PDB file of all heavy atoms in Angstrom:
ATOM      1  N   PHE A   1     116.276 145.959 111.075  1.00  0.00           N
ATOM      2  CA  PHE A   1     116.195 145.564 109.668  1.00  0.00           C
ATOM      3  C   PHE A   1     115.634 144.148 109.544  1.00  0.00           C
ATOM      4  O   PHE A   1     114.820 143.865 108.685  1.00  0.00           O
ATOM      5  CB  PHE A   1     117.590 145.648 109.035  1.00  0.00           C
ATOM      6  CG  PHE A   1     117.615 145.294 107.582  1.00  0.00           C
ATOM      7  CD1 PHE A   1     117.197 146.202 106.628  1.00  0.00           C
ATOM      8  CD2 PHE A   1     118.074 144.053 107.168  1.00  0.00           C
ATOM      9  CE1 PHE A   1     117.229 145.883 105.287  1.00  0.00           C
ATOM     10  CE2 PHE A   1     118.110 143.730 105.828  1.00  0.00           C
ATOM     11  CZ  PHE A   1     117.691 144.655 104.891  1.00  0.00           C
ATOM     12  N   MET A   2     116.064 143.264 110.426  1.00  0.00           N
ATOM     13  CA  MET A   2     115.624 141.866 110.365  1.00  0.00           C
ATOM     14  C   MET A   2     114.158 141.707 110.752  1.00  0.00           C
ATOM     15  O   MET A   2     113.515 140.745 110.375  1.00  0.00           O
ATOM     16  CB  MET A   2     116.497 140.987 111.274  1.00  0.00           C
ATOM     17  CG  MET A   2     117.974 140.982 110.901  1.00  0.00           C
ATOM     18  SD  MET A   2     118.260 140.399 109.227  1.00  0.00           S
ATOM     19  CE  MET A   2     118.142 138.652 109.484  1.00  0.00           C
ATOM     20  N   GLN A   3     113.592 142.658 111.490  1.00  0.00           N
ATOM     21  CA  GLN A   3     112.204 142.566 111.926  1.00  0.00           C
ATOM     22  C   GLN A   3     111.218 143.145 110.919  1.00  0.00           C
ATOM     23  O   GLN A   3     110.025 142.987 111.073  1.00  0.00           O
ATOM     24  CB  GLN A   3     112.022 143.298 113.274  1.00  0.00           C
ATOM     25  CG  GLN A   3     112.856 142.721 114.403  1.00  0.00           C
ATOM     26  CD  GLN A   3     112.584 141.236 114.614  1.00  0.00           C
ATOM     27  OE1 GLN A   3     111.444 140.815 114.671  1.00  0.00           O
ATOM     28  NE2 GLN A   3     113.650 140.448 114.709  1.00  0.00           N
ATOM     29  N   GLN A   4     111.728 143.802 109.892  1.00  0.00           N
ATOM     30  CA  GLN A   4     110.848 144.416 108.893  1.00  0.00           C
ATOM     31  C   GLN A   4     110.155 143.342 108.070  1.00  0.00           C
ATOM     32  O   GLN A   4     110.803 142.402 107.621  1.00  0.00           O
ATOM     33  CB  GLN A   4     111.665 145.303 107.946  1.00  0.00           C
ATOM     34  CG  GLN A   4     112.444 146.376 108.647  1.00  0.00           C
ATOM     35  CD  GLN A   4     111.727 147.684 108.645  1.00  0.00           C
ATOM     36  OE1 GLN A   4     110.848 147.906 107.847  1.00  0.00           O
ATOM     37  NE2 GLN A   4     112.109 148.553 109.543  1.00  0.00           N
ATOM     38  N   PRO A   5     108.847 143.461 107.813  1.00  0.00           N
ATOM     39  CA  PRO A   5     108.164 142.471 106.981  1.00  0.00           C
ATOM     40  C   PRO A   5     108.564 142.589 105.512  1.00  0.00           C
ATOM     41  O   PRO A   5     108.566 141.632 104.783  1.00  0.00           O
ATOM     42  CB  PRO A   5     106.684 142.809 107.159  1.00  0.00           C
ATOM     43  CG  PRO A   5     106.662 144.223 107.611  1.00  0.00           C
ATOM     44  CD  PRO A   5     107.958 144.465 108.336  1.00  0.00           C
ATOM     45  N   TRP A   6     108.937 143.770 105.061  1.00  0.00           N
ATOM     46  CA  TRP A   6     109.343 143.985 103.688  1.00  0.00           C
ATOM     47  C   TRP A   6     110.859 143.937 103.636  1.00  0.00           C
ATOM     48  O   TRP A   6     111.535 144.591 104.419  1.00  0.00           O
ATOM     49  CB  TRP A   6     108.828 145.343 103.228  1.00  0.00           C
ATOM     50  CG  TRP A   6     109.068 145.586 101.781  1.00  0.00           C
ATOM     51  CD1 TRP A   6     108.298 145.147 100.749  1.00  0.00           C
ATOM     52  CD2 TRP A   6     110.144 146.297 101.205  1.00  0.00           C
ATOM     53  NE1 TRP A   6     108.829 145.541  99.556  1.00  0.00           N
ATOM     54  CE2 TRP A   6     109.970 146.255  99.815  1.00  0.00           C
ATOM     55  CE3 TRP A   6     111.239 146.956 101.714  1.00  0.00           C
ATOM     56  CZ2 TRP A   6     110.851 146.854  98.934  1.00  0.00           C
ATOM     57  CZ3 TRP A   6     112.114 147.557 100.844  1.00  0.00           C
ATOM     58  CH2 TRP A   6     111.913 147.502  99.467  1.00  0.00           C
ATOM     59  N   THR A   7     111.427 143.137 102.739  1.00  0.00           N
ATOM     60  CA  THR A   7     112.875 142.996 102.674  1.00  0.00           C
ATOM     61  C   THR A   7     113.399 143.531 101.361  1.00  0.00           C
ATOM     62  O   THR A   7     112.640 143.870 100.459  1.00  0.00           O
ATOM     63  CB  THR A   7     113.274 141.514 102.793  1.00  0.00           C
ATOM     64  OG1 THR A   7     112.883 140.861 101.584  1.00  0.00           O
ATOM     65  CG2 THR A   7     112.638 140.850 103.990  1.00  0.00           C
ATOM     66  N   GLY A   8     114.701 143.552 101.252  1.00  0.00           N
ATOM     67  CA  GLY A   8     115.352 143.957 100.012  1.00  0.00           C
ATOM     68  C   GLY A   8     115.141 142.955  98.894  1.00  0.00           C
ATOM     69  O   GLY A   8     115.544 143.195  97.762  1.00  0.00           O
ATOM     70  N   PHE A   9     114.543 141.815  99.186  1.00  0.00           N
ATOM     71  CA  PHE A   9     114.310 140.793  98.178  1.00  0.00           C
ATOM     72  C   PHE A   9     112.871 140.804  97.667  1.00  0.00           C
ATOM     73  O   PHE A   9     112.370 139.814  97.157  1.00  0.00           O
ATOM     74  CB  PHE A   9     114.676 139.408  98.721  1.00  0.00           C
ATOM     75  CG  PHE A   9     116.166 139.205  98.801  1.00  0.00           C
ATOM     76  CD1 PHE A   9     116.872 139.582  99.926  1.00  0.00           C
ATOM     77  CD2 PHE A   9     116.863 138.677  97.726  1.00  0.00           C
ATOM     78  CE1 PHE A   9     118.247 139.422  99.990  1.00  0.00           C
ATOM     79  CE2 PHE A   9     118.229 138.515  97.772  1.00  0.00           C
ATOM     80  CZ  PHE A   9     118.931 138.896  98.911  1.00  0.00           C
ATOM     81  N   THR A  10     112.200 141.931  97.814  1.00  0.00           N
ATOM     82  CA  THR A  10     110.824 142.081  97.358  1.00  0.00           C
ATOM     83  C   THR A  10     110.705 143.309  96.462  1.00  0.00           C
ATOM     84  O   THR A  10     111.284 144.348  96.745  1.00  0.00           O
ATOM     85  CB  THR A  10     109.870 142.246  98.568  1.00  0.00           C
ATOM     86  OG1 THR A  10     109.995 141.121  99.410  1.00  0.00           O
ATOM     87  CG2 THR A  10     108.430 142.370  98.118  1.00  0.00           C
ATOM     88  N   VAL A  11     109.932 143.147  95.383  1.00  0.00           N
ATOM     89  CA  VAL A  11     109.634 144.261  94.483  1.00  0.00           C
ATOM     90  C   VAL A  11     108.120 144.368  94.397  1.00  0.00           C
ATOM     91  O   VAL A  11     107.419 143.360  94.340  1.00  0.00           O
ATOM     92  CB  VAL A  11     110.239 144.016  93.072  1.00  0.00           C
ATOM     93  CG1 VAL A  11     109.740 145.031  92.078  1.00  0.00           C
ATOM     94  CG2 VAL A  11     111.754 144.039  93.135  1.00  0.00           C
ATOM     95  N   GLN A  12     107.628 145.596  94.428  1.00  0.00           N
ATOM     96  CA  GLN A  12     106.194 145.852  94.291  1.00  0.00           C
ATOM     97  C   GLN A  12     105.952 146.549  92.960  1.00  0.00           C
ATOM     98  O   GLN A  12     106.685 147.477  92.603  1.00  0.00           O
ATOM     99  CB  GLN A  12     105.698 146.719  95.445  1.00  0.00           C
ATOM    100  CG  GLN A  12     105.870 146.052  96.796  1.00  0.00           C
ATOM    101  CD  GLN A  12     105.626 147.016  97.940  1.00  0.00           C
ATOM    102  OE1 GLN A  12     105.936 148.197  97.859  1.00  0.00           O
ATOM    103  NE2 GLN A  12     105.064 146.499  99.016  1.00  0.00           N
ATOM    104  N   ILE A  13     104.919 146.081  92.240  1.00  0.00           N
ATOM    105  CA  ILE A  13     104.604 146.620  90.916  1.00  0.00           C
ATOM    106  C   ILE A  13     103.103 146.871  90.845  1.00  0.00           C
ATOM    107  O   ILE A  13     102.316 145.960  91.095  1.00  0.00           O
ATOM    108  CB  ILE A  13     104.993 145.628  89.801  1.00  0.00           C
ATOM    109  CG1 ILE A  13     106.468 145.261  89.888  1.00  0.00           C
ATOM    110  CG2 ILE A  13     104.635 146.195  88.416  1.00  0.00           C
ATOM    111  CD1 ILE A  13     106.875 144.085  89.004  1.00  0.00           C
ATOM    112  N   SER A  14     102.713 148.096  90.502  1.00  0.00           N
ATOM    113  CA  SER A  14     101.282 148.373  90.318  1.00  0.00           C
ATOM    114  C   SER A  14     101.014 148.663  88.845  1.00  0.00           C
ATOM    115  O   SER A  14     101.873 149.159  88.123  1.00  0.00           O
ATOM    116  CB  SER A  14     100.813 149.541  91.191  1.00  0.00           C
ATOM    117  OG  SER A  14     101.380 150.750  90.749  1.00  0.00           O
ATOM    118  N   PHE A  15      99.808 148.318  88.434  1.00  0.00           N
ATOM    119  CA  PHE A  15      99.371 148.556  87.063  1.00  0.00           C
ATOM    120  C   PHE A  15      98.551 149.837  87.002  1.00  0.00           C
ATOM    121  O   PHE A  15      97.673 150.055  87.832  1.00  0.00           O
ATOM    122  CB  PHE A  15      98.493 147.398  86.566  1.00  0.00           C
ATOM    123  CG  PHE A  15      99.222 146.092  86.453  1.00  0.00           C
ATOM    124  CD1 PHE A  15      99.122 145.141  87.449  1.00  0.00           C
ATOM    125  CD2 PHE A  15     100.009 145.812  85.345  1.00  0.00           C
ATOM    126  CE1 PHE A  15      99.784 143.926  87.343  1.00  0.00           C
ATOM    127  CE2 PHE A  15     100.676 144.598  85.235  1.00  0.00           C
ATOM    128  CZ  PHE A  15     100.559 143.661  86.239  1.00  0.00           C
ATOM    129  N   VAL A  16      98.843 150.698  86.048  1.00  0.00           N
ATOM    130  CA  VAL A  16      98.072 151.889  85.692  1.00  0.00           C
ATOM    131  C   VAL A  16      98.134 153.004  86.744  1.00  0.00           C
ATOM    132  O   VAL A  16      98.343 154.158  86.415  1.00  0.00           O
ATOM    133  CB  VAL A  16      96.596 151.542  85.366  1.00  0.00           C
ATOM    134  CG1 VAL A  16      95.827 152.778  84.902  1.00  0.00           C
ATOM    135  CG2 VAL A  16      96.496 150.438  84.320  1.00  0.00           C
ATOM    136  N   LYS A  17      97.943 152.702  88.010  1.00  0.00           N
ATOM    137  CA  LYS A  17      97.903 153.704  89.085  1.00  0.00           C
ATOM    138  C   LYS A  17      99.161 153.645  89.935  1.00  0.00           C
ATOM    139  O   LYS A  17      99.585 152.575  90.365  1.00  0.00           O
ATOM    140  CB  LYS A  17      96.686 153.483  89.990  1.00  0.00           C
ATOM    141  CG  LYS A  17      95.352 153.509  89.259  1.00  0.00           C
ATOM    142  CD  LYS A  17      95.031 154.889  88.754  1.00  0.00           C
ATOM    143  CE  LYS A  17      93.651 154.919  88.104  1.00  0.00           C
ATOM    144  NZ  LYS A  17      93.336 156.211  87.552  1.00  0.00           N
ATOM    145  N   GLY A  18      99.740 154.831  90.214  1.00  0.00           N
ATOM    146  CA  GLY A  18     100.936 154.905  91.035  1.00  0.00           C
ATOM    147  C   GLY A  18     100.618 155.171  92.495  1.00  0.00           C
ATOM    148  O   GLY A  18      99.469 155.393  92.864  1.00  0.00           O
ATOM    149  N   TRP A  19     101.655 155.149  93.325  1.00  0.00           N
ATOM    150  CA  TRP A  19     101.497 155.432  94.748  1.00  0.00           C
ATOM    151  C   TRP A  19     102.792 156.066  95.257  1.00  0.00           C
ATOM    152  O   TRP A  19     103.791 156.109  94.558  1.00  0.00           O
ATOM    153  CB  TRP A  19     101.165 154.146  95.519  1.00  0.00           C
ATOM    154  CG  TRP A  19     102.342 153.288  95.851  1.00  0.00           C
ATOM    155  CD1 TRP A  19     103.018 153.245  97.044  1.00  0.00           C
ATOM    156  CD2 TRP A  19     103.017 152.357  94.998  1.00  0.00           C
ATOM    157  NE1 TRP A  19     104.047 152.343  96.972  1.00  0.00           N
ATOM    158  CE2 TRP A  19     104.069 151.780  95.742  1.00  0.00           C
ATOM    159  CE3 TRP A  19     102.848 151.944  93.682  1.00  0.00           C
ATOM    160  CZ2 TRP A  19     104.938 150.831  95.201  1.00  0.00           C
ATOM    161  CZ3 TRP A  19     103.704 151.001  93.153  1.00  0.00           C
ATOM    162  CH2 TRP A  19     104.721 150.449  93.902  1.00  0.00           C
ATOM    163  N   GLY A  20     102.752 156.570  96.458  1.00  0.00           N
ATOM    164  CA  GLY A  20     103.948 157.155  97.065  1.00  0.00           C
ATOM    165  C   GLY A  20     103.845 158.656  97.219  1.00  0.00           C
ATOM    166  O   GLY A  20     102.758 159.234  97.142  1.00  0.00           O
ATOM    167  N   GLN A  21     104.993 159.283  97.415  1.00  0.00           N
ATOM    168  CA  GLN A  21     105.069 160.710  97.719  1.00  0.00           C
ATOM    169  C   GLN A  21     104.414 161.602  96.669  1.00  0.00           C
ATOM    170  O   GLN A  21     103.869 162.638  96.993  1.00  0.00           O
ATOM    171  CB  GLN A  21     106.534 161.133  97.879  1.00  0.00           C
ATOM    172  CG  GLN A  21     107.230 160.493  99.041  1.00  0.00           C
ATOM    173  CD  GLN A  21     108.713 160.837  99.057  1.00  0.00           C
ATOM    174  OE1 GLN A  21     109.298 161.214  98.046  1.00  0.00           O
ATOM    175  NE2 GLN A  21     109.316 160.707 100.227  1.00  0.00           N
ATOM    176  N   CYS A  22     104.470 161.211  95.412  1.00  0.00           N
ATOM    177  CA  CYS A  22     103.961 162.057  94.325  1.00  0.00           C
ATOM    178  C   CYS A  22     102.507 161.768  93.954  1.00  0.00           C
ATOM    179  O   CYS A  22     102.007 162.323  92.977  1.00  0.00           O
ATOM    180  CB  CYS A  22     104.836 161.886  93.088  1.00  0.00           C
ATOM    181  SG  CYS A  22     106.554 162.338  93.365  1.00  0.00           S
ATOM    182  N   TYR A  23     101.845 160.906  94.710  1.00  0.00           N
ATOM    183  CA  TYR A  23     100.493 160.474  94.348  1.00  0.00           C
ATOM    184  C   TYR A  23      99.548 160.602  95.536  1.00  0.00           C
ATOM    185  O   TYR A  23      99.973 160.659  96.682  1.00  0.00           O
ATOM    186  CB  TYR A  23     100.519 159.005  93.867  1.00  0.00           C
ATOM    187  CG  TYR A  23     101.365 158.834  92.637  1.00  0.00           C
ATOM    188  CD1 TYR A  23     102.720 158.531  92.733  1.00  0.00           C
ATOM    189  CD2 TYR A  23     100.825 159.011  91.367  1.00  0.00           C
ATOM    190  CE1 TYR A  23     103.509 158.393  91.607  1.00  0.00           C
ATOM    191  CE2 TYR A  23     101.607 158.872  90.240  1.00  0.00           C
ATOM    192  CZ  TYR A  23     102.944 158.568  90.361  1.00  0.00           C
ATOM    193  OH  TYR A  23     103.716 158.448  89.245  1.00  0.00           O
ATOM    194  N   THR A  24      98.263 160.619  95.227  1.00  0.00           N
ATOM    195  CA  THR A  24      97.276 160.669  96.307  1.00  0.00           C
ATOM    196  C   THR A  24      97.257 159.354  97.089  1.00  0.00           C
ATOM    197  O   THR A  24      96.931 159.349  98.271  1.00  0.00           O
ATOM    198  CB  THR A  24      95.858 160.965  95.768  1.00  0.00           C
ATOM    199  OG1 THR A  24      95.516 159.971  94.807  1.00  0.00           O
ATOM    200  CG2 THR A  24      95.794 162.345  95.146  1.00  0.00           C
ATOM    201  N   ARG A  25      97.593 158.250  96.436  1.00  0.00           N
ATOM    202  CA  ARG A  25      97.706 156.958  97.121  1.00  0.00           C
ATOM    203  C   ARG A  25      99.087 156.888  97.773  1.00  0.00           C
ATOM    204  O   ARG A  25     100.091 156.847  97.081  1.00  0.00           O
ATOM    205  CB  ARG A  25      97.571 155.801  96.125  1.00  0.00           C
ATOM    206  CG  ARG A  25      96.225 155.683  95.505  1.00  0.00           C
ATOM    207  CD  ARG A  25      96.268 154.652  94.359  1.00  0.00           C
ATOM    208  NE  ARG A  25      95.010 154.657  93.647  1.00  0.00           N
ATOM    209  CZ  ARG A  25      94.685 155.540  92.724  1.00  0.00           C
ATOM    210  NH1 ARG A  25      95.532 156.484  92.376  1.00  0.00           N
ATOM    211  NH2 ARG A  25      93.512 155.501  92.130  1.00  0.00           N
ATOM    212  N   GLN A  26      99.135 156.852  99.074  1.00  0.00           N
ATOM    213  CA  GLN A  26     100.416 156.822  99.763  1.00  0.00           C
ATOM    214  C   GLN A  26     100.996 155.410  99.864  1.00  0.00           C
ATOM    215  O   GLN A  26     102.198 155.233  99.967  1.00  0.00           O
ATOM    216  CB  GLN A  26     100.291 157.437 101.156  1.00  0.00           C
ATOM    217  CG  GLN A  26     100.035 158.930 101.112  1.00  0.00           C
ATOM    218  CD  GLN A  26     101.160 159.680 100.432  1.00  0.00           C
ATOM    219  OE1 GLN A  26     102.299 159.654 100.872  1.00  0.00           O
ATOM    220  NE2 GLN A  26     100.847 160.349  99.315  1.00  0.00           N
ATOM    221  N   PHE A  27     100.130 154.402  99.834  1.00  0.00           N
ATOM    222  CA  PHE A  27     100.568 153.021 100.021  1.00  0.00           C
ATOM    223  C   PHE A  27     100.126 152.170  98.843  1.00  0.00           C
ATOM    224  O   PHE A  27      99.059 152.408  98.269  1.00  0.00           O
ATOM    225  CB  PHE A  27      99.986 152.451 101.319  1.00  0.00           C
ATOM    226  CG  PHE A  27     100.307 153.290 102.512  1.00  0.00           C
ATOM    227  CD1 PHE A  27      99.364 154.166 103.037  1.00  0.00           C
ATOM    228  CD2 PHE A  27     101.562 153.245 103.098  1.00  0.00           C
ATOM    229  CE1 PHE A  27      99.659 154.967 104.126  1.00  0.00           C
ATOM    230  CE2 PHE A  27     101.870 154.047 104.187  1.00  0.00           C
ATOM    231  CZ  PHE A  27     100.911 154.911 104.704  1.00  0.00           C
ATOM    232  N   ILE A  28     100.907 151.161  98.522  1.00  0.00           N
ATOM    233  CA  ILE A  28     100.549 150.299  97.397  1.00  0.00           C
ATOM    234  C   ILE A  28      99.234 149.576  97.640  1.00  0.00           C
ATOM    235  O   ILE A  28      98.507 149.277  96.707  1.00  0.00           O
ATOM    236  CB  ILE A  28     101.674 149.299  97.051  1.00  0.00           C
ATOM    237  CG1 ILE A  28     101.382 148.685  95.664  1.00  0.00           C
ATOM    238  CG2 ILE A  28     101.848 148.254  98.133  1.00  0.00           C
ATOM    239  CD1 ILE A  28     102.533 147.985  95.027  1.00  0.00           C
ATOM    240  N   SER A  29      98.898 149.341  98.896  1.00  0.00           N
ATOM    241  CA  SER A  29      97.632 148.648  99.198  1.00  0.00           C
ATOM    242  C   SER A  29      96.409 149.499  98.836  1.00  0.00           C
ATOM    243  O   SER A  29      95.283 149.021  98.885  1.00  0.00           O
ATOM    244  CB  SER A  29      97.580 148.233 100.664  1.00  0.00           C
ATOM    245  OG  SER A  29      97.738 149.357 101.489  1.00  0.00           O
ATOM    246  N   SER A  30      96.627 150.751  98.442  1.00  0.00           N
ATOM    247  CA  SER A  30      95.541 151.601  97.949  1.00  0.00           C
ATOM    248  C   SER A  30      95.405 151.512  96.431  1.00  0.00           C
ATOM    249  O   SER A  30      94.469 152.058  95.866  1.00  0.00           O
ATOM    250  CB  SER A  30      95.791 153.058  98.342  1.00  0.00           C
ATOM    251  OG  SER A  30      95.844 153.186  99.730  1.00  0.00           O
ATOM    252  N   CYS A  31      96.357 150.842  95.778  1.00  0.00           N
ATOM    253  CA  CYS A  31      96.302 150.681  94.324  1.00  0.00           C
ATOM    254  C   CYS A  31      95.310 149.578  93.967  1.00  0.00           C
ATOM    255  O   CYS A  31      95.239 148.560  94.663  1.00  0.00           O
ATOM    256  CB  CYS A  31      97.681 150.335  93.767  1.00  0.00           C
ATOM    257  SG  CYS A  31      98.846 151.702  93.869  1.00  0.00           S
ATOM    258  N   PRO A  32      94.580 149.763  92.875  1.00  0.00           N
ATOM    259  CA  PRO A  32      93.561 148.779  92.495  1.00  0.00           C
ATOM    260  C   PRO A  32      94.135 147.388  92.182  1.00  0.00           C
ATOM    261  O   PRO A  32      93.608 146.388  92.626  1.00  0.00           O
ATOM    262  CB  PRO A  32      92.906 149.377  91.256  1.00  0.00           C
ATOM    263  CG  PRO A  32      93.271 150.817  91.261  1.00  0.00           C
ATOM    264  CD  PRO A  32      94.555 150.936  92.014  1.00  0.00           C
ATOM    265  N   CYS A  33      95.229 147.326  91.404  1.00  0.00           N
ATOM    266  CA  CYS A  33      95.803 146.050  90.969  1.00  0.00           C
ATOM    267  C   CYS A  33      97.327 146.122  91.054  1.00  0.00           C
ATOM    268  O   CYS A  33      97.932 147.002  90.444  1.00  0.00           O
ATOM    269  CB  CYS A  33      95.413 145.759  89.523  1.00  0.00           C
ATOM    270  SG  CYS A  33      93.626 145.692  89.247  1.00  0.00           S
TER     271      CYS A  33
END
């Protein structure tokens, strides 16, 4: 848990386009903005 770059103190927010299991974009880094 301590070695993970993403922590419980981070929130990711994308505009207009979603990502994840229900979307063609699997990762937020594929979102435009």
